[in-house]
Protein backbone atom coordinates (compact mmCIF):
# COMPACT_ATOMS: atom_id res chain seq x y z
CA MET A 1 0.00 0.00 0.00
CA PRO A 2 1.24 3.52 -0.69
CA SER A 3 2.18 5.89 2.10
CA ILE A 4 -0.25 8.83 1.89
CA THR A 5 -0.47 11.91 4.09
CA ILE A 6 -3.09 14.60 3.64
CA TYR A 7 -2.45 18.00 5.19
CA GLY A 8 -5.79 19.65 5.91
CA GLY A 9 -9.01 18.82 7.71
CA ARG A 10 -12.32 17.60 6.37
CA SER A 11 -13.87 20.87 5.28
CA GLY A 12 -13.47 23.39 2.50
CA SER A 13 -11.26 22.43 -0.40
CA SER A 14 -9.42 19.95 1.82
CA PHE A 15 -12.52 17.77 1.84
CA ARG A 16 -11.94 16.77 -1.78
CA PRO A 17 -8.93 14.45 -1.25
CA HIS A 18 -10.50 12.94 1.86
CA TRP A 19 -13.59 12.07 -0.18
CA MET A 20 -11.58 10.67 -3.09
CA LEU A 21 -9.52 8.48 -0.76
CA ALA A 22 -12.71 7.23 0.91
CA GLU A 23 -14.14 6.32 -2.49
CA LEU A 24 -10.95 4.39 -3.26
CA GLY A 25 -10.81 2.74 0.16
CA LEU A 26 -7.18 3.72 0.67
CA PRO A 27 -5.70 4.20 4.16
CA TYR A 28 -3.85 7.43 4.83
CA GLU A 29 -2.69 9.79 7.56
CA THR A 30 -4.25 13.18 8.22
CA LYS A 31 -2.32 16.14 9.57
CA THR A 32 -4.23 19.28 10.48
CA LEU A 33 -2.56 22.66 10.71
CA ASP A 34 -3.28 25.39 13.24
CA PHE A 35 -3.45 28.50 11.09
CA ALA A 36 -3.91 30.74 14.13
CA ALA A 37 -0.62 29.45 15.50
CA GLY A 38 1.04 29.92 12.11
CA GLU A 39 1.74 26.24 11.49
CA ASN A 40 0.95 26.74 7.81
CA ARG A 41 3.85 29.22 7.65
CA SER A 42 6.36 26.98 9.39
CA PRO A 43 9.53 26.12 7.43
CA GLU A 44 8.52 22.46 7.57
CA TYR A 45 5.17 23.03 5.93
CA LEU A 46 6.40 25.65 3.47
CA ALA A 47 8.82 23.01 2.20
CA ILE A 48 5.72 20.99 1.27
CA ASN A 49 3.57 23.85 0.02
CA PRO A 50 5.38 27.18 -0.45
CA ALA A 51 1.99 28.92 -0.66
CA GLY A 52 1.21 27.88 2.92
CA GLN A 53 -2.22 26.64 1.85
CA ILE A 54 -4.16 23.43 2.33
CA PRO A 55 -4.68 20.78 1.24
CA ALA A 56 -1.41 19.18 0.32
CA MET A 57 -0.66 15.52 -0.22
CA VAL A 58 2.54 13.52 0.15
CA TYR A 59 2.19 10.23 -1.73
CA ASP A 60 5.23 7.95 -1.51
CA GLY A 61 7.41 11.05 -1.61
CA LEU A 62 5.45 12.81 -4.36
CA VAL A 63 4.19 16.18 -3.16
CA LEU A 64 0.99 17.55 -4.69
CA THR A 65 -0.99 20.67 -3.85
CA GLU A 66 -4.34 22.00 -5.14
CA SER A 67 -7.30 19.83 -4.22
CA ALA A 68 -8.56 19.20 -7.75
CA ALA A 69 -5.11 18.08 -8.91
CA ILE A 70 -4.85 15.70 -5.95
CA VAL A 71 -8.23 14.16 -6.78
CA GLN A 72 -7.33 13.73 -10.46
CA TYR A 73 -4.02 12.07 -9.56
CA LEU A 74 -5.56 9.63 -7.08
CA ALA A 75 -8.30 8.62 -9.53
CA GLU A 76 -5.90 8.13 -12.42
CA LYS A 77 -3.46 6.22 -10.23
CA HIS A 78 -5.96 3.85 -8.62
CA ASP A 79 -9.25 3.65 -10.50
CA PRO A 80 -9.77 5.41 -13.86
CA LYS A 81 -13.50 4.59 -13.73
CA PHE A 82 -13.80 7.82 -11.75
CA PHE A 83 -13.05 9.71 -14.96
CA GLY A 84 -16.27 8.44 -16.52
CA PRO A 85 -16.46 7.58 -20.23
CA SER A 86 -12.98 6.96 -21.64
CA SER A 87 -13.03 9.53 -24.39
CA ILE A 88 -11.17 12.77 -24.92
CA GLU A 89 -14.49 14.57 -25.24
CA ALA A 90 -15.82 13.24 -21.93
CA HIS A 91 -12.62 14.15 -20.12
CA ALA A 92 -12.73 17.65 -21.57
CA GLU A 93 -16.36 17.99 -20.43
CA SER A 94 -15.35 16.87 -16.95
CA LEU A 95 -12.58 19.45 -16.80
CA ARG A 96 -14.91 22.09 -18.19
CA TRP A 97 -17.40 21.76 -15.34
CA GLN A 98 -14.75 21.49 -12.66
CA LEU A 99 -13.16 24.71 -13.85
CA PHE A 100 -16.55 26.37 -14.25
CA ILE A 101 -17.40 25.74 -10.60
CA LEU A 102 -13.92 26.52 -9.24
CA LEU A 103 -13.59 29.78 -11.18
CA ASN A 104 -17.16 31.10 -11.15
CA ILE A 105 -18.93 29.77 -8.07
CA ASP A 106 -16.51 28.54 -5.39
CA LYS A 107 -15.12 31.95 -4.40
CA HIS A 108 -18.59 33.49 -4.10
CA PHE A 109 -19.79 30.81 -1.70
CA VAL A 110 -16.59 31.39 0.28
CA THR A 111 -17.36 35.11 0.49
CA LEU A 112 -20.77 34.32 1.96
CA CYS A 113 -19.14 31.93 4.46
CA MET A 114 -16.84 34.60 5.89
CA LYS A 115 -19.35 35.66 8.55
CA LYS A 116 -19.50 32.05 9.77
CA TRP A 117 -15.77 32.22 10.33
CA GLY A 118 -15.99 35.48 12.25
CA ARG A 119 -14.52 37.55 9.41
CA PRO A 120 -17.59 38.88 7.57
CA ALA A 121 -17.08 40.32 4.11
CA SER A 122 -18.32 43.82 3.34
CA GLU A 123 -21.91 44.37 2.26
CA GLU A 124 -20.64 45.25 -1.20
CA SER A 125 -18.68 41.99 -1.46
CA GLU A 126 -21.64 39.92 -0.30
CA LYS A 127 -23.92 41.67 -2.78
CA ALA A 128 -21.46 41.08 -5.62
CA ALA A 129 -21.14 37.41 -4.62
CA THR A 130 -24.91 36.95 -4.58
CA GLU A 131 -25.26 38.61 -7.98
CA ALA A 132 -22.56 36.35 -9.42
CA LEU A 133 -24.22 33.25 -8.01
CA ASN A 134 -27.55 34.34 -9.49
CA ARG A 135 -25.78 34.48 -12.84
CA TYR A 136 -23.82 31.24 -12.72
CA LEU A 137 -25.95 28.81 -10.71
CA PRO A 138 -28.67 28.60 -13.41
CA ILE A 139 -26.00 27.45 -15.87
CA PHE A 140 -24.99 24.57 -13.61
CA GLU A 141 -28.65 23.81 -12.90
CA ALA A 142 -29.21 23.37 -16.64
CA GLN A 143 -26.21 21.02 -16.89
CA LEU A 144 -27.60 18.78 -14.13
CA ALA A 145 -31.19 18.72 -15.40
CA GLY A 146 -32.21 15.13 -16.10
CA LYS A 147 -28.85 13.73 -14.94
CA ASP A 148 -27.83 11.79 -11.87
CA TYR A 149 -24.36 13.30 -11.85
CA VAL A 150 -22.38 16.04 -13.59
CA LEU A 151 -21.50 13.92 -16.64
CA GLY A 152 -24.66 11.82 -16.69
CA ALA A 153 -25.31 8.44 -15.09
CA ASP A 154 -21.80 7.87 -13.70
CA PHE A 155 -20.32 9.36 -10.53
CA THR A 156 -16.91 10.85 -11.40
CA VAL A 157 -14.15 13.12 -10.16
CA ALA A 158 -16.20 16.01 -11.54
CA ASP A 159 -18.78 15.33 -8.83
CA ILE A 160 -16.17 15.17 -6.07
CA VAL A 161 -14.63 18.48 -7.09
CA THR A 162 -17.88 20.35 -7.69
CA ARG A 163 -20.03 18.89 -4.90
CA SER A 164 -17.32 19.80 -2.37
CA THR A 165 -17.75 23.44 -3.39
CA PHE A 166 -21.41 23.23 -2.41
CA ASN A 167 -20.38 22.36 1.16
CA TYR A 168 -19.63 26.09 1.39
CA ALA A 169 -23.18 26.82 0.26
CA GLU A 170 -24.52 24.66 3.07
CA LEU A 171 -22.28 26.34 5.62
CA ALA A 172 -23.37 29.79 4.43
CA GLU A 173 -27.01 28.62 4.40
CA VAL A 174 -27.48 29.75 0.81
CA ASP A 175 -31.06 29.20 -0.35
CA LEU A 176 -30.83 26.79 -3.29
CA SER A 177 -34.54 26.00 -3.49
CA ALA A 178 -34.73 27.63 -6.92
CA TYR A 179 -32.37 24.94 -8.23
CA PRO A 180 -34.06 21.54 -7.89
CA SER A 181 -31.56 19.68 -10.07
CA ILE A 182 -28.65 20.98 -8.01
CA THR A 183 -30.30 20.15 -4.69
CA ALA A 184 -31.23 16.63 -5.86
CA TRP A 185 -27.66 16.06 -7.06
CA MET A 186 -26.25 17.36 -3.76
CA LYS A 187 -28.39 14.88 -1.84
CA ARG A 188 -27.48 12.05 -4.20
CA CYS A 189 -23.79 12.71 -3.65
CA GLU A 190 -24.01 12.99 0.11
CA GLU A 191 -25.84 9.67 0.28
CA ARG A 192 -22.73 7.90 -0.99
CA PRO A 193 -21.09 5.92 1.83
CA ALA A 194 -17.69 7.41 1.00
CA TYR A 195 -19.03 10.95 1.44
CA ALA A 196 -20.23 10.12 4.95
CA LYS A 197 -16.96 8.32 5.75
CA ALA A 198 -14.90 11.29 4.60
CA LYS A 199 -16.98 13.60 6.78
CA GLN A 200 -16.70 11.45 9.89
CA ASP A 201 -13.22 9.88 9.90
């Protein structure tokens, strides 16, 4: 078995590798960092991730940062079925929706979460985030309409990357009732045993 260490807890972007590893059934070690104490800026951790961010993964000596990259690596290394249909077009579609969520939605949910973390964003920032979500969420809703998962019938890495973003929406208590396809997909994903395992371990 490989030696795997994940730096980062089971929330935010760090949840993604925990979920992927749970889907794969691989054992690993978790190391959390105390940001308030500056552990993410320690020389030891900066040698792993010079940006001082989480998550990071050390896999048999290979160091990877960025949650989506970690998920892609683990899936390709251990079970390519998580990429869905084995075509260039399907893989491009998967990457398309991962990037769409990460670039257009993720940061706006995070802005709305700031008050939950005791660092509320300005009214202007919250308003801008809400306006952006009102623009982009309908696009993702249309993609999910009539589908079980992002790419269709199969659960893939695209679901791990994008559904993890919506954990921020739940934390911020964003009203998603106008998006029935999204809410049904969220529930479908969280009913997976690996999702629950990743949350609880």
